């Protein structure tokens, strides 16, 4: 593995997940990478779609997430701790509280370059990009986000369902109509 900012970041995260305080170590590593967003962005290979898998193994998943302009995803959980750092643009996170089988909007957080957001495994949130340019962030999951069990909520009915990428994509709306 060549010595790059992203490779050092992934290695720090890999070591963190086997240590006593993985959240703290990953948060510090995200703050470091967020302090050099242009350098981190320059190291990300060109990719199609919204997600680029930087690293995935049973205890750790690292993704670069590109959110299209004026889009809002549906509410979902991760089933594991997640830490998110913005490199470019903004993400507006709508946080929900569980209400029986449904959910209710509780708060919003605007995440800008250099900022880090921590989500617990049971947290329900939805991401939106209200801007006219794409956003780019690094999402770190302390587990296997690809193989893990997750929940997605129908944004209109509020009913839970098993998370699938197809359902997630089906529920994406315009941010200008959502947030």
Foldseek 3Di string as FASTA:
>chain_A
DDDALLVVLVVQLVVLLVDDHSVVSNVVSLLVCLVVLVRVVVPDDDDDDFWDWPDFDFFKTKIKGKAAEQKKWFKKFQQFKKKKAWSAAKKKKFWWDDDPQFTDTDDIDIHHRSDMDIDGRPTIIMIGGHHNGITIMMMMTRGGSVPDWMWTAQRVVRGIDTDDPVVRVVRMDGNVVPD
